[in-house]
Amino acid sequence: MATTDLDKGSSDSAWYPERKKSLYILKQLVTRDFKLKYRRSFLGVAWSVLNPLLMMMVMAAVFSTMMKFSADSIPSYPLYIILGNVSFTLMSDATSQGMGSIIGAASLLKKVRIKRWVFPVEKVLFAIVNFAFSLIAVLLVMFVVGVYPTWTALLLPLFLLYFGMFCVGLSMLLSALSVFFRDVMHLWSVVLTAWTYATPLFYPSEILPVWMMRLENFNPMYHFVNYIRVLLLYRQVPSLLLNVACAACGLIMLAIGVLVFKKTERRFILYI
């Protein structure tokens, strides 16, 4: 029977210390997903740049021309849209893929002893890799609209730290829940759709009534999207309050995800 690269990697790393073994497998999984995504694709990696660009063009036409959404406080509406879109796509891809990661790895988990947390975390890392390519599209839009990046762009790793913790925690939570309740996988797409329209991605937040703006304070994606817009669109250093909000969202979700995952992972083998 033919062995996969991952199977070979697992056997090659069998004598590694447990931590190094998990990191090795994590790297192999990210590499495998990258190759699978762009295999037999004519555009290949370029699609990760073209996709957000094309989406931005469509949404800018719909929301700024047809629906007349605009605000004087927004330096560039196309950049406002693309920053919201790529950020939300990172969360959506990471959680949607992470949610089914344990179920998808059932055959491997039954054959090889692997730390189970590796699978949802790998999906988040792969989504971050795609996000990095999407930033090329963001950079192109910035030069086209005349909003040039400044030194505040150097704070992007801090944004990814906060956002990454949030996505990892949410992915671990969803991956654990979906093992026992398969309906979670169907319901999550509905939640993402509602979450998309509940977050000011395509429309300026100024059009929201006061009561809705108060609710946005409890929307983690509102804070994360604001953070990257402050860095790249407004080219300012995010306030201490915004940093605290993003860090709190990331840490709280990470703690919840890890707690639920650790409490339930011993029973995964009975349900996958």
C-alpha atoms as a PDB file:
ATOM      1  CA  MET A   1       0.000   0.000   0.000  1.00  0.00           C
ATOM      2  CA  ALA A   2       1.362   3.443  -0.931  1.00  0.00           C
ATOM      3  CA  THR A   3       2.222   5.769   1.913  1.00  0.00           C
ATOM      4  CA  THR A   4       1.524   9.488   1.946  1.00  0.00           C
ATOM      5  CA  ASP A   5       4.086  12.177   2.724  1.00  0.00           C
ATOM      6  CA  LEU A   6       2.373  12.675   6.043  1.00  0.00           C
ATOM      7  CA  ASP A   7       2.640   9.001   6.939  1.00  0.00           C
ATOM      8  CA  LYS A   8       6.333   9.097   6.048  1.00  0.00           C
ATOM      9  CA  GLY A   9       6.759  12.246   8.089  1.00  0.00           C
ATOM     10  CA  SER A  10       5.101  10.607  11.064  1.00  0.00           C
ATOM     11  CA  SER A  11       7.418   7.605  10.899  1.00  0.00           C
ATOM     12  CA  ASP A  12      10.509   9.737  10.257  1.00  0.00           C
ATOM     13  CA  SER A  13       9.737  11.846  13.306  1.00  0.00           C
ATOM     14  CA  ALA A  14       8.802   8.923  15.538  1.00  0.00           C
ATOM     15  CA  TRP A  15      11.925   9.371  17.650  1.00  0.00           C
ATOM     16  CA  TYR A  16      11.605  13.148  17.942  1.00  0.00           C
ATOM     17  CA  PRO A  17      10.748  14.684  21.327  1.00  0.00           C
ATOM     18  CA  GLU A  18       6.964  15.060  21.547  1.00  0.00           C
ATOM     19  CA  ARG A  19       7.001  18.825  20.984  1.00  0.00           C
ATOM     20  CA  LYS A  20       9.302  18.655  17.949  1.00  0.00           C
ATOM     21  CA  LYS A  21       7.259  15.808  16.531  1.00  0.00           C
ATOM     22  CA  SER A  22       4.047  17.869  16.716  1.00  0.00           C
ATOM     23  CA  LEU A  23       5.726  20.879  15.098  1.00  0.00           C
ATOM     24  CA  TYR A  24       7.152  18.659  12.342  1.00  0.00           C
ATOM     25  CA  ILE A  25       3.723  17.195  11.602  1.00  0.00           C
ATOM     26  CA  LEU A  26       2.213  20.677  11.691  1.00  0.00           C
ATOM     27  CA  LYS A  27       4.679  21.815   9.032  1.00  0.00           C
ATOM     28  CA  GLN A  28       3.958  18.738   6.892  1.00  0.00           C
ATOM     29  CA  LEU A  29       0.206  19.347   7.077  1.00  0.00           C
ATOM     30  CA  VAL A  30       0.487  22.995   6.052  1.00  0.00           C
ATOM     31  CA  THR A  31       2.748  22.031   3.131  1.00  0.00           C
ATOM     32  CA  ARG A  32       0.342  19.290   2.052  1.00  0.00           C
ATOM     33  CA  ASP A  33      -2.677  21.607   2.120  1.00  0.00           C
ATOM     34  CA  PHE A  34      -0.792  24.250   0.159  1.00  0.00           C
ATOM     35  CA  LYS A  35       0.125  21.750  -2.561  1.00  0.00           C
ATOM     36  CA  LEU A  36      -3.408  20.335  -2.702  1.00  0.00           C
ATOM     37  CA  LYS A  37      -5.037  23.751  -2.985  1.00  0.00           C
ATOM     38  CA  TYR A  38      -2.976  24.889  -5.951  1.00  0.00           C
ATOM     39  CA  ARG A  39      -2.561  21.545  -7.698  1.00  0.00           C
ATOM     40  CA  ARG A  40      -3.895  21.637 -11.270  1.00  0.00           C
ATOM     41  CA  SER A  41      -4.705  25.324 -10.895  1.00  0.00           C
ATOM     42  CA  PHE A  42      -3.766  27.456 -13.894  1.00  0.00           C
ATOM     43  CA  LEU A  43      -3.482  30.651 -11.851  1.00  0.00           C
ATOM     44  CA  GLY A  44      -2.066  28.895  -8.806  1.00  0.00           C
ATOM     45  CA  VAL A  45      -0.978  31.204  -5.993  1.00  0.00           C
ATOM     46  CA  ALA A  46      -1.941  34.231  -8.108  1.00  0.00           C
ATOM     47  CA  TRP A  47      -5.590  33.391  -7.409  1.00  0.00           C
ATOM     48  CA  SER A  48      -5.043  34.290  -3.740  1.00  0.00           C
ATOM     49  CA  VAL A  49      -4.223  37.796  -4.960  1.00  0.00           C
ATOM     50  CA  LEU A  50      -6.826  38.035  -7.712  1.00  0.00           C
ATOM     51  CA  ASN A  51      -9.727  36.741  -5.620  1.00  0.00           C
ATOM     52  CA  PRO A  52      -9.789  39.586  -3.054  1.00  0.00           C
ATOM     53  CA  LEU A  53      -9.169  42.106  -5.844  1.00  0.00           C
ATOM     54  CA  LEU A  54     -12.139  40.888  -7.861  1.00  0.00           C
ATOM     55  CA  MET A  55     -14.329  40.709  -4.757  1.00  0.00           C
ATOM     56  CA  MET A  56     -13.339  44.247  -3.845  1.00  0.00           C
ATOM     57  CA  MET A  57     -14.289  45.514  -7.313  1.00  0.00           C
ATOM     58  CA  VAL A  58     -17.714  43.880  -7.139  1.00  0.00           C
ATOM     59  CA  MET A  59     -18.458  45.071  -3.608  1.00  0.00           C
ATOM     60  CA  ALA A  60     -17.172  48.588  -4.254  1.00  0.00           C
ATOM     61  CA  ALA A  61     -19.498  48.830  -7.276  1.00  0.00           C
ATOM     62  CA  VAL A  62     -22.508  47.492  -5.374  1.00  0.00           C
ATOM     63  CA  PHE A  63     -22.142  49.323  -2.066  1.00  0.00           C
ATOM     64  CA  SER A  64     -20.639  52.641  -3.172  1.00  0.00           C
ATOM     65  CA  THR A  65     -22.439  53.093  -6.512  1.00  0.00           C
ATOM     66  CA  MET A  66     -25.749  51.237  -6.356  1.00  0.00           C
ATOM     67  CA  MET A  67     -26.435  51.454  -2.627  1.00  0.00           C
ATOM     68  CA  LYS A  68     -24.690  54.817  -2.177  1.00  0.00           C
ATOM     69  CA  PHE A  69     -22.746  53.821   0.928  1.00  0.00           C
ATOM     70  CA  SER A  70     -19.964  56.264   1.691  1.00  0.00           C
ATOM     71  CA  ALA A  71     -18.535  58.326   4.534  1.00  0.00           C
ATOM     72  CA  ASP A  72     -16.309  61.395   4.667  1.00  0.00           C
ATOM     73  CA  SER A  73     -14.264  59.764   7.428  1.00  0.00           C
ATOM     74  CA  ILE A  74     -13.106  56.947   5.096  1.00  0.00           C
ATOM     75  CA  PRO A  75     -10.005  57.951   3.061  1.00  0.00           C
ATOM     76  CA  SER A  76     -10.575  55.195   0.467  1.00  0.00           C
ATOM     77  CA  TYR A  77     -13.767  53.177   0.255  1.00  0.00           C
ATOM     78  CA  PRO A  78     -12.248  50.395  -1.937  1.00  0.00           C
ATOM     79  CA  LEU A  79      -9.438  49.914   0.606  1.00  0.00           C
ATOM     80  CA  TYR A  80     -11.995  49.996   3.434  1.00  0.00           C
ATOM     81  CA  ILE A  81     -13.869  47.149   1.736  1.00  0.00           C
ATOM     82  CA  ILE A  82     -10.887  44.969   0.861  1.00  0.00           C
ATOM     83  CA  LEU A  83      -9.412  45.195   4.383  1.00  0.00           C
ATOM     84  CA  GLY A  84     -12.708  44.092   5.875  1.00  0.00           C
ATOM     85  CA  ASN A  85     -13.118  41.327   3.307  1.00  0.00           C
ATOM     86  CA  VAL A  86      -9.661  39.749   3.640  1.00  0.00           C
ATOM     87  CA  SER A  87      -9.835  39.863   7.448  1.00  0.00           C
ATOM     88  CA  PHE A  88     -13.225  38.201   7.608  1.00  0.00           C
ATOM     89  CA  THR A  89     -12.141  35.650   4.989  1.00  0.00           C
ATOM     90  CA  LEU A  90      -9.196  34.682   7.193  1.00  0.00           C
ATOM     91  CA  MET A  91     -11.531  33.925  10.104  1.00  0.00           C
ATOM     92  CA  SER A  92     -14.110  32.212   7.887  1.00  0.00           C
ATOM     93  CA  ASP A  93     -11.569  29.947   6.152  1.00  0.00           C
ATOM     94  CA  ALA A  94      -9.724  29.104   9.370  1.00  0.00           C
ATOM     95  CA  THR A  95     -12.858  28.147  11.301  1.00  0.00           C
ATOM     96  CA  SER A  96     -14.671  26.387   8.461  1.00  0.00           C
ATOM     97  CA  GLN A  97     -11.662  24.212   7.695  1.00  0.00           C
ATOM     98  CA  GLY A  98     -10.674  23.802  11.332  1.00  0.00           C
ATOM     99  CA  MET A  99     -14.175  22.722  12.289  1.00  0.00           C
ATOM    100  CA  GLY A 100     -13.935  19.553  10.185  1.00  0.00           C
ATOM    101  CA  SER A 101     -10.241  18.930  10.801  1.00  0.00           C
ATOM    102  CA  ILE A 102     -10.667  16.203  13.439  1.00  0.00           C
ATOM    103  CA  ILE A 103     -13.348  14.353  11.469  1.00  0.00           C
ATOM    104  CA  GLY A 104     -11.278  14.664   8.297  1.00  0.00           C
ATOM    105  CA  ALA A 105      -8.229  13.195  10.027  1.00  0.00           C
ATOM    106  CA  ALA A 106     -10.148  10.225  11.465  1.00  0.00           C
ATOM    107  CA  SER A 107      -8.244   7.562   9.515  1.00  0.00           C
ATOM    108  CA  LEU A 108      -4.898   9.059  10.514  1.00  0.00           C
ATOM    109  CA  LEU A 109      -5.827   9.455  14.171  1.00  0.00           C
ATOM    110  CA  LYS A 110      -6.821   5.780  14.301  1.00  0.00           C
ATOM    111  CA  LYS A 111      -3.442   4.655  12.936  1.00  0.00           C
ATOM    112  CA  VAL A 112      -0.868   7.112  14.268  1.00  0.00           C
ATOM    113  CA  ARG A 113      -0.390   8.667  17.676  1.00  0.00           C
ATOM    114  CA  ILE A 114      -0.593  12.418  17.027  1.00  0.00           C
ATOM    115  CA  LYS A 115      -1.522  15.312  19.235  1.00  0.00           C
ATOM    116  CA  ARG A 116      -5.075  16.122  18.199  1.00  0.00           C
ATOM    117  CA  TRP A 117      -4.726  19.896  18.574  1.00  0.00           C
ATOM    118  CA  VAL A 118      -2.347  19.874  15.595  1.00  0.00           C
ATOM    119  CA  PHE A 119      -5.214  19.557  13.101  1.00  0.00           C
ATOM    120  CA  PRO A 120      -7.342  22.635  13.922  1.00  0.00           C
ATOM    121  CA  VAL A 121      -4.193  24.709  14.527  1.00  0.00           C
ATOM    122  CA  GLU A 122      -2.812  23.683  11.125  1.00  0.00           C
ATOM    123  CA  LYS A 123      -5.957  24.932   9.381  1.00  0.00           C
ATOM    124  CA  VAL A 124      -5.546  28.315  11.048  1.00  0.00           C
ATOM    125  CA  LEU A 125      -1.875  28.503  10.018  1.00  0.00           C
ATOM    126  CA  PHE A 126      -2.797  27.613   6.439  1.00  0.00           C
ATOM    127  CA  ALA A 127      -5.461  30.345   6.427  1.00  0.00           C
ATOM    128  CA  ILE A 128      -2.821  32.818   7.656  1.00  0.00           C
ATOM    129  CA  VAL A 129      -0.534  31.781   4.770  1.00  0.00           C
ATOM    130  CA  ASN A 130      -3.352  32.573   2.322  1.00  0.00           C
ATOM    131  CA  PHE A 131      -3.969  35.841   4.159  1.00  0.00           C
ATOM    132  CA  ALA A 132      -0.316  36.766   3.589  1.00  0.00           C
ATOM    133  CA  PHE A 133      -0.845  36.391  -0.175  1.00  0.00           C
ATOM    134  CA  SER A 134      -4.029  38.462   0.082  1.00  0.00           C
ATOM    135  CA  LEU A 135      -1.965  41.286   1.571  1.00  0.00           C
ATOM    136  CA  ILE A 136      -0.308  41.609  -1.846  1.00  0.00           C
ATOM    137  CA  ALA A 137      -3.732  42.543  -3.222  1.00  0.00           C
ATOM    138  CA  VAL A 138      -4.150  45.002  -0.348  1.00  0.00           C
ATOM    139  CA  LEU A 139      -0.782  46.564  -1.173  1.00  0.00           C
ATOM    140  CA  LEU A 140      -1.741  46.931  -4.844  1.00  0.00           C
ATOM    141  CA  VAL A 141      -4.995  48.662  -3.924  1.00  0.00           C
ATOM    142  CA  MET A 142      -3.147  50.991  -1.535  1.00  0.00           C
ATOM    143  CA  PHE A 143      -0.838  52.188  -4.313  1.00  0.00           C
ATOM    144  CA  VAL A 144      -3.699  52.521  -6.822  1.00  0.00           C
ATOM    145  CA  VAL A 145      -5.854  54.666  -4.500  1.00  0.00           C
ATOM    146  CA  GLY A 146      -2.887  56.669  -3.217  1.00  0.00           C
ATOM    147  CA  VAL A 147      -2.978  55.513   0.401  1.00  0.00           C
ATOM    148  CA  TYR A 148       0.625  54.476   0.837  1.00  0.00           C
ATOM    149  CA  PRO A 149       1.712  52.212   3.714  1.00  0.00           C
ATOM    150  CA  THR A 150       3.641  53.757   6.585  1.00  0.00           C
ATOM    151  CA  TRP A 151       5.616  52.341   9.510  1.00  0.00           C
ATOM    152  CA  THR A 152       2.348  51.404  11.231  1.00  0.00           C
ATOM    153  CA  ALA A 153       2.176  48.422   8.839  1.00  0.00           C
ATOM    154  CA  LEU A 154       5.007  46.934  10.903  1.00  0.00           C
ATOM    155  CA  LEU A 155       2.428  46.296  13.632  1.00  0.00           C
ATOM    156  CA  LEU A 156       0.662  43.698  11.462  1.00  0.00           C
ATOM    157  CA  PRO A 157       2.337  40.794  13.346  1.00  0.00           C
ATOM    158  CA  LEU A 158       0.661  42.068  16.527  1.00  0.00           C
ATOM    159  CA  PHE A 159      -2.687  42.043  14.715  1.00  0.00           C
ATOM    160  CA  LEU A 160      -2.026  38.468  13.549  1.00  0.00           C
ATOM    161  CA  LEU A 161      -1.125  37.441  17.104  1.00  0.00           C
ATOM    162  CA  TYR A 162      -4.444  38.693  18.500  1.00  0.00           C
ATOM    163  CA  PHE A 163      -6.446  37.423  15.535  1.00  0.00           C
ATOM    164  CA  GLY A 164      -4.584  34.124  15.373  1.00  0.00           C
ATOM    165  CA  MET A 165      -5.376  33.363  19.021  1.00  0.00           C
ATOM    166  CA  PHE A 166      -9.037  34.073  18.356  1.00  0.00           C
ATOM    167  CA  CYS A 167      -9.147  31.858  15.254  1.00  0.00           C
ATOM    168  CA  VAL A 168      -7.271  28.997  16.948  1.00  0.00           C
ATOM    169  CA  GLY A 169      -9.591  29.069  19.947  1.00  0.00           C
ATOM    170  CA  LEU A 170     -12.728  29.204  17.801  1.00  0.00           C
ATOM    171  CA  SER A 171     -11.443  26.447  15.493  1.00  0.00           C
ATOM    172  CA  MET A 172     -10.632  24.170  18.437  1.00  0.00           C
ATOM    173  CA  LEU A 173     -14.067  24.793  19.935  1.00  0.00           C
ATOM    174  CA  LEU A 174     -15.881  24.083  16.654  1.00  0.00           C
ATOM    175  CA  SER A 175     -13.745  21.033  15.837  1.00  0.00           C
ATOM    176  CA  ALA A 176     -14.591  19.502  19.225  1.00  0.00           C
ATOM    177  CA  LEU A 177     -18.302  20.295  18.984  1.00  0.00           C
ATOM    178  CA  SER A 178     -18.610  18.987  15.422  1.00  0.00           C
ATOM    179  CA  VAL A 179     -17.259  15.567  16.476  1.00  0.00           C
ATOM    180  CA  PHE A 180     -20.266  15.066  18.757  1.00  0.00           C
ATOM    181  CA  PHE A 181     -22.829  17.227  16.942  1.00  0.00           C
ATOM    182  CA  ARG A 182     -22.520  17.051  13.156  1.00  0.00           C
ATOM    183  CA  ASP A 183     -25.233  19.710  12.763  1.00  0.00           C
ATOM    184  CA  VAL A 184     -22.686  22.290  13.908  1.00  0.00           C
ATOM    185  CA  MET A 185     -21.009  21.988  10.501  1.00  0.00           C
ATOM    186  CA  HIS A 186     -24.238  22.987   8.731  1.00  0.00           C
ATOM    187  CA  LEU A 187     -25.203  25.709  11.182  1.00  0.00           C
ATOM    188  CA  TRP A 188     -21.820  27.403  11.049  1.00  0.00           C
ATOM    189  CA  SER A 189     -22.315  28.561   7.455  1.00  0.00           C
ATOM    190  CA  VAL A 190     -25.535  30.288   8.552  1.00  0.00           C
ATOM    191  CA  VAL A 191     -23.729  31.899  11.488  1.00  0.00           C
ATOM    192  CA  LEU A 192     -20.965  33.161   9.179  1.00  0.00           C
ATOM    193  CA  THR A 193     -23.497  34.704   6.812  1.00  0.00           C
ATOM    194  CA  ALA A 194     -25.261  36.515   9.642  1.00  0.00           C
ATOM    195  CA  TRP A 195     -21.903  37.548  11.123  1.00  0.00           C
ATOM    196  CA  THR A 196     -20.824  38.978   7.768  1.00  0.00           C
ATOM    197  CA  TYR A 197     -23.754  41.382   7.612  1.00  0.00           C
ATOM    198  CA  ALA A 198     -23.569  42.156  11.343  1.00  0.00           C
ATOM    199  CA  THR A 199     -19.991  43.428  10.895  1.00  0.00           C
ATOM    200  CA  PRO A 200     -19.267  46.696   9.028  1.00  0.00           C
ATOM    201  CA  LEU A 201     -17.300  45.080   6.223  1.00  0.00           C
ATOM    202  CA  PHE A 202     -18.971  46.656   3.195  1.00  0.00           C
ATOM    203  CA  TYR A 203     -20.807  49.606   4.745  1.00  0.00           C
ATOM    204  CA  PRO A 204     -19.515  52.440   6.969  1.00  0.00           C
ATOM    205  CA  SER A 205     -20.238  51.963  10.660  1.00  0.00           C
ATOM    206  CA  GLU A 206     -21.555  55.547  10.780  1.00  0.00           C
ATOM    207  CA  ILE A 207     -24.842  54.449   9.206  1.00  0.00           C
ATOM    208  CA  LEU A 208     -25.650  52.165  12.147  1.00  0.00           C
ATOM    209  CA  PRO A 209     -28.100  53.402  14.791  1.00  0.00           C
ATOM    210  CA  VAL A 210     -26.807  53.984  18.303  1.00  0.00           C
ATOM    211  CA  TRP A 211     -28.204  50.723  19.703  1.00  0.00           C
ATOM    212  CA  MET A 212     -26.484  48.690  16.998  1.00  0.00           C
ATOM    213  CA  MET A 213     -23.182  50.456  17.562  1.00  0.00           C
ATOM    214  CA  ARG A 214     -23.422  49.459  21.216  1.00  0.00           C
ATOM    215  CA  LEU A 215     -23.914  45.842  20.185  1.00  0.00           C
ATOM    216  CA  GLU A 216     -20.826  46.041  17.960  1.00  0.00           C
ATOM    217  CA  ASN A 217     -18.737  46.363  21.115  1.00  0.00           C
ATOM    218  CA  PHE A 218     -19.537  42.677  21.735  1.00  0.00           C
ATOM    219  CA  ASN A 219     -18.639  41.661  18.170  1.00  0.00           C
ATOM    220  CA  PRO A 220     -14.995  40.424  18.100  1.00  0.00           C
ATOM    221  CA  MET A 221     -14.752  40.815  14.327  1.00  0.00           C
ATOM    222  CA  TYR A 222     -15.692  44.495  14.630  1.00  0.00           C
ATOM    223  CA  HIS A 223     -12.599  45.068  16.769  1.00  0.00           C
ATOM    224  CA  PHE A 224     -10.262  42.994  14.586  1.00  0.00           C
ATOM    225  CA  VAL A 225     -11.426  44.658  11.359  1.00  0.00           C
ATOM    226  CA  ASN A 226     -11.076  48.085  12.978  1.00  0.00           C
ATOM    227  CA  TYR A 227      -7.544  47.188  14.068  1.00  0.00           C
ATOM    228  CA  ILE A 228      -6.242  46.395  10.578  1.00  0.00           C
ATOM    229  CA  ARG A 229      -8.052  49.416   9.133  1.00  0.00           C
ATOM    230  CA  VAL A 230      -6.409  51.695  11.681  1.00  0.00           C
ATOM    231  CA  LEU A 231      -3.011  50.263  10.695  1.00  0.00           C
ATOM    232  CA  LEU A 232      -3.345  50.349   6.895  1.00  0.00           C
ATOM    233  CA  LEU A 233      -6.216  52.675   6.006  1.00  0.00           C
ATOM    234  CA  TYR A 234      -5.900  55.411   8.634  1.00  0.00           C
ATOM    235  CA  ARG A 235      -2.157  54.693   9.128  1.00  0.00           C
ATOM    236  CA  GLN A 236      -2.271  55.247  12.855  1.00  0.00           C
ATOM    237  CA  VAL A 237      -1.253  53.310  15.940  1.00  0.00           C
ATOM    238  CA  PRO A 238      -4.295  51.493  17.389  1.00  0.00           C
ATOM    239  CA  SER A 239      -5.447  52.897  20.715  1.00  0.00           C
ATOM    240  CA  LEU A 240      -4.775  51.131  23.995  1.00  0.00           C
ATOM    241  CA  LEU A 241      -8.501  50.396  24.269  1.00  0.00           C
ATOM    242  CA  LEU A 242      -8.554  48.717  20.844  1.00  0.00           C
ATOM    243  CA  ASN A 243      -5.457  46.681  21.725  1.00  0.00           C
ATOM    244  CA  VAL A 244      -7.060  45.566  24.975  1.00  0.00           C
ATOM    245  CA  ALA A 245     -10.306  44.644  23.176  1.00  0.00           C
ATOM    246  CA  CYS A 246      -8.508  42.539  20.530  1.00  0.00           C
ATOM    247  CA  ALA A 247      -6.187  40.888  23.048  1.00  0.00           C
ATOM    248  CA  ALA A 248      -9.132  40.077  25.324  1.00  0.00           C
ATOM    249  CA  CYS A 249     -11.155  38.581  22.449  1.00  0.00           C
ATOM    250  CA  GLY A 250      -8.173  36.458  21.401  1.00  0.00           C
ATOM    251  CA  LEU A 251      -7.250  35.230  24.877  1.00  0.00           C
ATOM    252  CA  ILE A 252     -10.817  34.513  25.996  1.00  0.00           C
ATOM    253  CA  MET A 253     -11.670  32.549  22.849  1.00  0.00           C
ATOM    254  CA  LEU A 254      -8.357  30.675  23.015  1.00  0.00           C
ATOM    255  CA  ALA A 255      -8.991  29.733  26.648  1.00  0.00           C
ATOM    256  CA  ILE A 256     -12.537  28.531  25.864  1.00  0.00           C
ATOM    257  CA  GLY A 257     -11.401  26.554  22.819  1.00  0.00           C
ATOM    258  CA  VAL A 258      -8.498  24.865  24.588  1.00  0.00           C
ATOM    259  CA  LEU A 259     -10.641  24.048  27.638  1.00  0.00           C
ATOM    260  CA  VAL A 260     -13.445  22.423  25.608  1.00  0.00           C
ATOM    261  CA  PHE A 261     -10.976  20.625  23.348  1.00  0.00           C
ATOM    262  CA  LYS A 262      -8.959  19.200  26.246  1.00  0.00           C
ATOM    263  CA  LYS A 263     -12.099  18.100  28.096  1.00  0.00           C
ATOM    264  CA  THR A 264     -13.487  16.192  25.118  1.00  0.00           C
ATOM    265  CA  GLU A 265     -10.520  14.983  23.031  1.00  0.00           C
ATOM    266  CA  ARG A 266     -10.245  11.610  24.809  1.00  0.00           C
ATOM    267  CA  ARG A 267     -13.693  10.681  23.463  1.00  0.00           C
ATOM    268  CA  PHE A 268     -13.030  11.749  19.863  1.00  0.00           C
ATOM    269  CA  ILE A 269     -11.987   8.250  18.824  1.00  0.00           C
ATOM    270  CA  LEU A 270     -15.440   6.919  19.778  1.00  0.00           C
ATOM    271  CA  TYR A 271     -17.291   9.323  17.475  1.00  0.00           C
ATOM    272  CA  ILE A 272     -15.087   9.934  14.432  1.00  0.00           C
END
